[in-house]
Amino acid sequence: MEMWRCSRQEWIDKEIEKLDSASQRQKWKIINKLTDPGSRMGMQPVKADGQFVFTDEDILQEMEKVHVG
């Protein structure tokens, strides 16, 4: 869970950084993504050994291989 929280916070920080250089229209899209509780923010598939993995459990295992060791 902590890894997920850190990853989510990094994503939020990157989106906020984009606000400085974004057009007015893009700013509203970013703000809506950050504030809309109904928007779907699922985890993206990960490519591992030439194949994509989609389940949260498989993605977690692949992330642990890379980041934990």
N, C-alpha and C. Protein backbone atom coordinates (compact mmCIF):
# COMPACT_ATOMS: atom_id res chain seq x y z
N MET A 1 0.82 -1.20 0.00
CA MET A 1 0.00 0.00 0.00
C MET A 1 0.86 1.26 0.00
N GLU A 2 1.95 1.22 0.75
CA GLU A 2 2.82 2.39 0.82
C GLU A 2 3.42 2.72 -0.54
N MET A 3 3.80 1.68 -1.29
CA MET A 3 4.35 1.88 -2.64
C MET A 3 3.30 2.54 -3.52
N TRP A 4 2.08 2.11 -3.40
CA TRP A 4 0.99 2.69 -4.19
C TRP A 4 0.78 4.15 -3.81
N ARG A 5 0.77 4.43 -2.51
CA ARG A 5 0.57 5.82 -2.05
C ARG A 5 1.68 6.73 -2.58
N CYS A 6 2.91 6.27 -2.51
CA CYS A 6 4.03 7.07 -3.01
C CYS A 6 3.92 7.29 -4.51
N SER A 7 3.56 6.25 -5.23
CA SER A 7 3.40 6.35 -6.68
C SER A 7 2.28 7.33 -7.04
N ARG A 8 1.18 7.25 -6.34
CA ARG A 8 0.05 8.15 -6.58
C ARG A 8 0.45 9.59 -6.28
N GLN A 9 1.16 9.81 -5.19
CA GLN A 9 1.56 11.17 -4.85
C GLN A 9 2.54 11.72 -5.89
N GLU A 10 3.43 10.89 -6.39
CA GLU A 10 4.35 11.33 -7.45
C GLU A 10 3.57 11.74 -8.69
N TRP A 11 2.53 10.97 -9.04
CA TRP A 11 1.71 11.29 -10.20
C TRP A 11 1.00 12.63 -9.98
N ILE A 12 0.45 12.82 -8.79
CA ILE A 12 -0.24 14.08 -8.47
C ILE A 12 0.74 15.24 -8.58
N ASP A 13 1.92 15.09 -8.03
CA ASP A 13 2.93 16.16 -8.08
C ASP A 13 3.29 16.50 -9.52
N LYS A 14 3.45 15.49 -10.37
CA LYS A 14 3.80 15.74 -11.77
C LYS A 14 2.66 16.47 -12.49
N GLU A 15 1.43 16.09 -12.20
CA GLU A 15 0.29 16.76 -12.82
C GLU A 15 0.23 18.22 -12.39
N ILE A 16 0.50 18.48 -11.12
CA ILE A 16 0.47 19.86 -10.62
C ILE A 16 1.58 20.68 -11.27
N GLU A 17 2.75 20.09 -11.46
CA GLU A 17 3.86 20.79 -12.12
C GLU A 17 3.50 21.21 -13.54
N LYS A 18 2.66 20.43 -14.20
CA LYS A 18 2.25 20.74 -15.57
C LYS A 18 1.40 22.01 -15.65
N LEU A 19 0.78 22.39 -14.55
CA LEU A 19 -0.12 23.54 -14.56
C LEU A 19 0.57 24.83 -14.97
N ASP A 20 1.83 25.01 -14.58
CA ASP A 20 2.54 26.25 -14.89
C ASP A 20 2.63 26.52 -16.39
N SER A 21 2.89 25.50 -17.18
CA SER A 21 3.09 25.70 -18.61
C SER A 21 1.89 25.32 -19.46
N ALA A 22 0.83 24.87 -18.84
CA ALA A 22 -0.35 24.40 -19.59
C ALA A 22 -1.21 25.57 -20.06
N SER A 23 -1.89 25.33 -21.18
CA SER A 23 -2.87 26.31 -21.65
C SER A 23 -4.07 26.29 -20.70
N GLN A 24 -4.93 27.28 -20.82
CA GLN A 24 -6.10 27.35 -19.95
C GLN A 24 -6.95 26.08 -20.06
N ARG A 25 -7.12 25.60 -21.28
CA ARG A 25 -7.92 24.39 -21.51
C ARG A 25 -7.26 23.17 -20.85
N GLN A 26 -5.93 23.05 -21.02
CA GLN A 26 -5.22 21.93 -20.42
C GLN A 26 -5.25 22.00 -18.90
N LYS A 27 -5.20 23.21 -18.35
CA LYS A 27 -5.25 23.37 -16.89
C LYS A 27 -6.53 22.77 -16.33
N TRP A 28 -7.65 23.04 -17.02
CA TRP A 28 -8.92 22.51 -16.52
C TRP A 28 -8.99 20.99 -16.63
N LYS A 29 -8.38 20.44 -17.68
CA LYS A 29 -8.34 18.98 -17.81
C LYS A 29 -7.54 18.38 -16.65
N ILE A 30 -6.40 18.98 -16.34
CA ILE A 30 -5.57 18.49 -15.25
C ILE A 30 -6.31 18.61 -13.92
N ILE A 31 -6.92 19.77 -13.70
CA ILE A 31 -7.67 19.98 -12.45
C ILE A 31 -8.80 18.98 -12.32
N ASN A 32 -9.52 18.73 -13.41
CA ASN A 32 -10.61 17.76 -13.37
C ASN A 32 -10.10 16.35 -13.07
N LYS A 33 -8.95 15.98 -13.65
CA LYS A 33 -8.38 14.65 -13.35
C LYS A 33 -8.03 14.53 -11.88
N LEU A 34 -7.52 15.61 -11.31
CA LEU A 34 -7.08 15.57 -9.91
C LEU A 34 -8.22 15.63 -8.91
N THR A 35 -9.33 16.26 -9.29
CA THR A 35 -10.39 16.49 -8.32
C THR A 35 -11.65 15.67 -8.54
N ASP A 36 -11.78 14.98 -9.65
CA ASP A 36 -12.98 14.21 -9.94
C ASP A 36 -12.90 12.83 -9.31
N PRO A 37 -13.63 12.61 -8.22
CA PRO A 37 -13.55 11.30 -7.56
C PRO A 37 -14.14 10.17 -8.39
N GLY A 38 -14.91 10.50 -9.42
CA GLY A 38 -15.51 9.47 -10.26
C GLY A 38 -14.62 9.03 -11.40
N SER A 39 -13.51 9.74 -11.60
CA SER A 39 -12.65 9.35 -12.72
C SER A 39 -11.91 8.07 -12.40
N ARG A 40 -11.74 7.28 -13.43
CA ARG A 40 -11.07 5.99 -13.25
C ARG A 40 -9.58 6.20 -13.37
N MET A 41 -8.87 5.78 -12.34
CA MET A 41 -7.42 5.90 -12.34
C MET A 41 -6.82 4.54 -12.04
N GLY A 42 -7.06 3.59 -12.92
CA GLY A 42 -6.53 2.26 -12.72
C GLY A 42 -5.05 2.19 -13.04
N MET A 43 -4.44 1.15 -12.59
CA MET A 43 -3.03 0.96 -12.86
C MET A 43 -2.85 0.52 -14.30
N GLN A 44 -1.85 1.08 -14.96
CA GLN A 44 -1.57 0.74 -16.34
C GLN A 44 -0.87 -0.61 -16.42
N PRO A 45 -1.07 -1.35 -17.52
CA PRO A 45 -0.37 -2.63 -17.66
C PRO A 45 1.14 -2.41 -17.74
N VAL A 46 1.87 -3.44 -17.36
CA VAL A 46 3.33 -3.40 -17.35
C VAL A 46 3.85 -4.46 -18.31
N LYS A 47 4.87 -4.11 -19.07
CA LYS A 47 5.47 -5.07 -19.98
C LYS A 47 6.62 -5.77 -19.25
N ALA A 48 6.53 -7.10 -19.15
CA ALA A 48 7.54 -7.89 -18.46
C ALA A 48 7.90 -9.09 -19.31
N ASP A 49 9.17 -9.25 -19.57
CA ASP A 49 9.65 -10.37 -20.39
C ASP A 49 8.93 -10.43 -21.74
N GLY A 50 8.70 -9.26 -22.33
CA GLY A 50 8.08 -9.22 -23.65
C GLY A 50 6.57 -9.36 -23.67
N GLN A 51 5.94 -9.52 -22.51
CA GLN A 51 4.48 -9.66 -22.44
C GLN A 51 3.94 -8.65 -21.44
N PHE A 52 2.68 -8.26 -21.66
CA PHE A 52 2.03 -7.34 -20.73
C PHE A 52 1.36 -8.11 -19.61
N VAL A 53 1.48 -7.57 -18.40
CA VAL A 53 0.74 -8.12 -17.26
C VAL A 53 -0.29 -7.08 -16.84
N PHE A 54 -1.48 -7.53 -16.46
CA PHE A 54 -2.58 -6.62 -16.21
C PHE A 54 -3.12 -6.65 -14.79
N THR A 55 -3.04 -7.79 -14.12
CA THR A 55 -3.63 -7.85 -12.79
C THR A 55 -2.74 -7.11 -11.79
N ASP A 56 -3.37 -6.54 -10.78
CA ASP A 56 -2.63 -5.79 -9.76
C ASP A 56 -1.56 -6.66 -9.11
N GLU A 57 -1.88 -7.92 -8.86
CA GLU A 57 -0.93 -8.83 -8.21
C GLU A 57 0.30 -9.06 -9.09
N ASP A 58 0.08 -9.30 -10.39
CA ASP A 58 1.19 -9.53 -11.32
C ASP A 58 2.03 -8.26 -11.49
N ILE A 59 1.37 -7.11 -11.56
CA ILE A 59 2.09 -5.84 -11.69
C ILE A 59 2.93 -5.60 -10.45
N LEU A 60 2.36 -5.86 -9.28
CA LEU A 60 3.10 -5.69 -8.03
C LEU A 60 4.34 -6.56 -8.01
N GLN A 61 4.20 -7.81 -8.43
CA GLN A 61 5.35 -8.72 -8.46
C GLN A 61 6.44 -8.20 -9.39
N GLU A 62 6.06 -7.71 -10.56
CA GLU A 62 7.04 -7.18 -11.51
C GLU A 62 7.72 -5.93 -10.98
N MET A 63 6.94 -5.07 -10.32
CA MET A 63 7.51 -3.85 -9.73
C MET A 63 8.49 -4.20 -8.61
N GLU A 64 8.16 -5.20 -7.81
CA GLU A 64 9.06 -5.63 -6.73
C GLU A 64 10.35 -6.18 -7.29
N LYS A 65 10.29 -6.92 -8.39
CA LYS A 65 11.50 -7.46 -9.01
C LYS A 65 12.46 -6.34 -9.40
N VAL A 66 11.90 -5.27 -9.94
CA VAL A 66 12.72 -4.16 -10.42
C VAL A 66 13.19 -3.26 -9.29
N HIS A 67 12.27 -2.91 -8.39
CA HIS A 67 12.58 -1.89 -7.40
C HIS A 67 13.05 -2.40 -6.05
N VAL A 68 12.70 -3.62 -5.72
CA VAL A 68 13.08 -4.16 -4.42
C VAL A 68 14.26 -5.11 -4.56
N GLY A 69 14.24 -5.90 -5.61
CA GLY A 69 15.39 -6.78 -5.84
C GLY A 69 15.08 -8.19 -5.78
